[in-house]
């Protein structure tokens, strides 16, 4: 019954596939963020927008603070 979430840093990580509609929204339509939702899961995709890459800890604070346990790698 615990709320467990996970955070992982990925080297050369890419979540979207060039040529898909969601990729076009970000790269051709200049959308800052895209939410991709399906029947079983969702993803929020965005870039750093010229900012320095944030440490994983900052993203955990922003997005996973409602977890009881956060597993970080």
N, C-alpha and C. Protein backbone atom coordinates (compact mmCIF):
# COMPACT_ATOMS: atom_id res chain seq x y z
N UNK A 1 0.75 -1.19 0.00
CA UNK A 1 0.00 0.00 0.00
C UNK A 1 0.81 1.28 0.00
N UNK A 2 2.11 1.25 -0.27
CA UNK A 2 2.92 2.47 -0.30
C UNK A 2 2.95 3.06 -1.71
N UNK A 3 3.11 4.38 -1.78
CA UNK A 3 3.26 5.07 -3.08
C UNK A 3 4.74 5.10 -3.42
N UNK A 4 5.14 4.21 -4.33
CA UNK A 4 6.54 4.08 -4.73
C UNK A 4 6.71 4.66 -6.12
N UNK A 5 7.75 5.48 -6.29
CA UNK A 5 8.07 6.06 -7.60
C UNK A 5 9.56 5.90 -7.83
N UNK A 6 9.98 6.06 -9.07
CA UNK A 6 11.37 5.82 -9.43
C UNK A 6 11.90 6.98 -10.25
N UNK A 7 13.18 7.26 -10.08
CA UNK A 7 13.86 8.29 -10.87
C UNK A 7 15.18 7.71 -11.35
N UNK A 8 15.47 7.90 -12.63
CA UNK A 8 16.68 7.33 -13.21
C UNK A 8 17.27 8.31 -14.20
N UNK A 9 18.58 8.44 -14.18
CA UNK A 9 19.29 9.24 -15.19
C UNK A 9 19.65 8.31 -16.33
N UNK A 10 19.38 8.74 -17.56
CA UNK A 10 19.74 7.94 -18.73
C UNK A 10 20.72 8.69 -19.61
N UNK A 11 21.80 8.05 -19.97
CA UNK A 11 22.77 8.67 -20.88
C UNK A 11 22.21 8.61 -22.30
N UNK A 12 22.23 9.74 -22.99
CA UNK A 12 21.74 9.82 -24.38
C UNK A 12 20.29 9.35 -24.48
N UNK A 13 19.48 9.73 -23.53
CA UNK A 13 18.09 9.29 -23.40
C UNK A 13 17.20 10.02 -24.40
N UNK A 14 16.41 9.28 -25.15
CA UNK A 14 15.41 9.84 -26.06
C UNK A 14 14.11 9.07 -25.86
N UNK A 15 13.01 9.79 -25.60
CA UNK A 15 11.74 9.12 -25.35
C UNK A 15 10.85 9.12 -26.58
N UNK A 16 11.07 10.05 -27.49
CA UNK A 16 10.18 10.19 -28.64
C UNK A 16 10.88 9.72 -29.91
N UNK A 17 10.09 9.33 -30.90
CA UNK A 17 10.60 8.81 -32.16
C UNK A 17 10.44 9.85 -33.26
N UNK A 18 11.53 10.20 -33.96
CA UNK A 18 11.41 11.16 -35.06
C UNK A 18 10.36 10.72 -36.08
N UNK A 19 9.56 11.70 -36.52
CA UNK A 19 8.54 11.43 -37.53
C UNK A 19 7.15 11.18 -36.97
N UNK A 20 7.04 10.89 -35.66
CA UNK A 20 5.71 10.68 -35.07
C UNK A 20 5.04 12.04 -34.85
N UNK A 21 3.73 12.01 -34.64
CA UNK A 21 3.01 13.27 -34.40
C UNK A 21 3.55 14.01 -33.18
N UNK A 22 3.80 13.29 -32.09
CA UNK A 22 4.30 13.95 -30.88
C UNK A 22 5.68 14.57 -31.12
N UNK A 23 6.52 13.92 -31.88
CA UNK A 23 7.83 14.47 -32.24
C UNK A 23 7.66 15.74 -33.06
N UNK A 24 6.74 15.70 -34.02
CA UNK A 24 6.48 16.89 -34.85
C UNK A 24 5.97 18.06 -34.02
N UNK A 25 5.12 17.79 -33.04
CA UNK A 25 4.61 18.87 -32.18
C UNK A 25 5.77 19.62 -31.53
N UNK A 26 6.76 18.88 -31.02
CA UNK A 26 7.90 19.52 -30.35
C UNK A 26 8.89 20.14 -31.32
N UNK A 27 9.19 19.45 -32.39
CA UNK A 27 10.30 19.89 -33.24
C UNK A 27 9.87 20.77 -34.40
N UNK A 28 8.74 20.53 -34.98
CA UNK A 28 8.27 21.36 -36.09
C UNK A 28 7.27 22.41 -35.60
N UNK A 29 6.45 22.06 -34.62
CA UNK A 29 5.46 22.98 -34.09
C UNK A 29 5.97 23.81 -32.93
N UNK A 30 7.20 23.51 -32.47
CA UNK A 30 7.85 24.27 -31.39
C UNK A 30 7.10 24.24 -30.06
N UNK A 31 6.37 23.13 -29.80
CA UNK A 31 5.71 22.98 -28.50
C UNK A 31 6.78 22.81 -27.43
N UNK A 32 6.65 23.54 -26.34
CA UNK A 32 7.63 23.45 -25.25
C UNK A 32 7.55 22.10 -24.54
N UNK A 33 6.33 21.60 -24.35
CA UNK A 33 6.11 20.29 -23.75
C UNK A 33 4.97 19.59 -24.48
N UNK A 34 5.02 18.27 -24.48
CA UNK A 34 3.97 17.45 -25.08
C UNK A 34 3.58 16.38 -24.07
N UNK A 35 2.28 16.22 -23.83
CA UNK A 35 1.78 15.12 -23.00
C UNK A 35 1.25 14.07 -23.96
N UNK A 36 1.78 12.87 -23.85
CA UNK A 36 1.37 11.75 -24.68
C UNK A 36 0.64 10.77 -23.77
N UNK A 37 -0.64 10.52 -24.05
CA UNK A 37 -1.45 9.67 -23.18
C UNK A 37 -2.06 8.52 -23.96
N UNK A 38 -2.01 7.35 -23.37
CA UNK A 38 -2.64 6.17 -23.94
C UNK A 38 -3.54 5.54 -22.90
N UNK A 39 -4.12 4.39 -23.20
CA UNK A 39 -5.06 3.77 -22.26
C UNK A 39 -4.41 3.30 -20.96
N UNK A 40 -3.11 3.01 -20.98
CA UNK A 40 -2.47 2.44 -19.79
C UNK A 40 -1.35 3.28 -19.18
N UNK A 41 -0.85 4.27 -19.92
CA UNK A 41 0.26 5.06 -19.39
C UNK A 41 0.34 6.42 -20.07
N UNK A 42 1.17 7.29 -19.52
CA UNK A 42 1.36 8.61 -20.11
C UNK A 42 2.82 9.03 -19.97
N UNK A 43 3.20 10.02 -20.74
CA UNK A 43 4.54 10.60 -20.65
C UNK A 43 4.44 12.09 -20.89
N UNK A 44 5.27 12.85 -20.20
CA UNK A 44 5.39 14.28 -20.45
C UNK A 44 6.78 14.47 -21.04
N UNK A 45 6.83 15.01 -22.24
CA UNK A 45 8.11 15.19 -22.92
C UNK A 45 8.41 16.66 -23.06
N UNK A 46 9.63 17.02 -22.80
CA UNK A 46 10.07 18.39 -22.96
C UNK A 46 11.57 18.43 -23.00
N UNK A 47 12.09 19.58 -23.32
CA UNK A 47 13.54 19.74 -23.36
C UNK A 47 13.99 20.71 -22.28
N UNK A 48 15.27 20.93 -22.21
CA UNK A 48 15.83 21.84 -21.21
C UNK A 48 15.69 23.29 -21.64
N UNK A 49 15.32 23.55 -22.90
CA UNK A 49 15.06 24.90 -23.36
C UNK A 49 16.22 25.86 -23.18
N UNK A 50 17.43 25.40 -23.39
CA UNK A 50 18.58 26.27 -23.25
C UNK A 50 19.13 26.35 -21.83
N UNK A 51 18.38 25.83 -20.86
CA UNK A 51 18.88 25.81 -19.48
C UNK A 51 19.93 24.72 -19.35
N UNK A 52 20.75 24.84 -18.34
CA UNK A 52 21.67 23.75 -18.03
C UNK A 52 20.84 22.55 -17.57
N UNK A 53 21.30 21.37 -17.86
CA UNK A 53 20.61 20.16 -17.42
C UNK A 53 20.51 20.18 -15.90
N UNK A 54 19.31 19.93 -15.39
CA UNK A 54 19.09 19.95 -13.94
C UNK A 54 19.51 18.63 -13.32
N UNK A 55 20.00 18.68 -12.10
CA UNK A 55 20.28 17.42 -11.41
C UNK A 55 18.99 16.62 -11.22
N UNK A 56 19.12 15.33 -11.17
CA UNK A 56 17.97 14.44 -10.98
C UNK A 56 17.19 14.82 -9.72
N UNK A 57 17.89 15.24 -8.68
CA UNK A 57 17.23 15.62 -7.42
C UNK A 57 16.20 16.73 -7.63
N UNK A 58 16.50 17.70 -8.49
CA UNK A 58 15.56 18.78 -8.76
C UNK A 58 14.30 18.29 -9.43
N UNK A 59 14.43 17.35 -10.35
CA UNK A 59 13.25 16.78 -11.02
C UNK A 59 12.41 15.96 -10.05
N UNK A 60 13.07 15.25 -9.14
CA UNK A 60 12.34 14.49 -8.12
C UNK A 60 11.52 15.45 -7.26
N UNK A 61 12.12 16.56 -6.82
CA UNK A 61 11.39 17.55 -6.01
C UNK A 61 10.19 18.09 -6.77
N UNK A 62 10.35 18.32 -8.07
CA UNK A 62 9.27 18.90 -8.88
C UNK A 62 8.14 17.93 -9.17
N UNK A 63 8.46 16.64 -9.34
CA UNK A 63 7.47 15.72 -9.90
C UNK A 63 7.11 14.51 -9.04
N UNK A 64 7.89 14.19 -8.04
CA UNK A 64 7.65 12.95 -7.29
C UNK A 64 7.43 13.16 -5.79
N UNK A 65 7.13 14.37 -5.38
CA UNK A 65 7.04 14.66 -3.95
C UNK A 65 5.82 14.03 -3.27
N UNK A 66 4.88 13.52 -4.04
CA UNK A 66 3.74 12.85 -3.41
C UNK A 66 4.02 11.36 -3.18
N UNK A 67 5.25 10.93 -3.45
CA UNK A 67 5.63 9.53 -3.21
C UNK A 67 5.99 9.34 -1.74
N UNK A 68 5.77 8.13 -1.25
CA UNK A 68 6.26 7.77 0.08
C UNK A 68 7.69 7.25 0.00
N UNK A 69 7.99 6.59 -1.11
CA UNK A 69 9.34 6.05 -1.34
C UNK A 69 9.74 6.41 -2.77
N UNK A 70 10.95 6.94 -2.93
CA UNK A 70 11.50 7.20 -4.27
C UNK A 70 12.77 6.38 -4.40
N UNK A 71 12.81 5.51 -5.40
CA UNK A 71 13.99 4.73 -5.71
C UNK A 71 14.73 5.50 -6.79
N UNK A 72 15.98 5.87 -6.53
CA UNK A 72 16.77 6.65 -7.49
C UNK A 72 18.00 5.87 -7.90
N UNK A 73 18.30 5.95 -9.20
CA UNK A 73 19.48 5.27 -9.73
C UNK A 73 20.34 6.29 -10.42
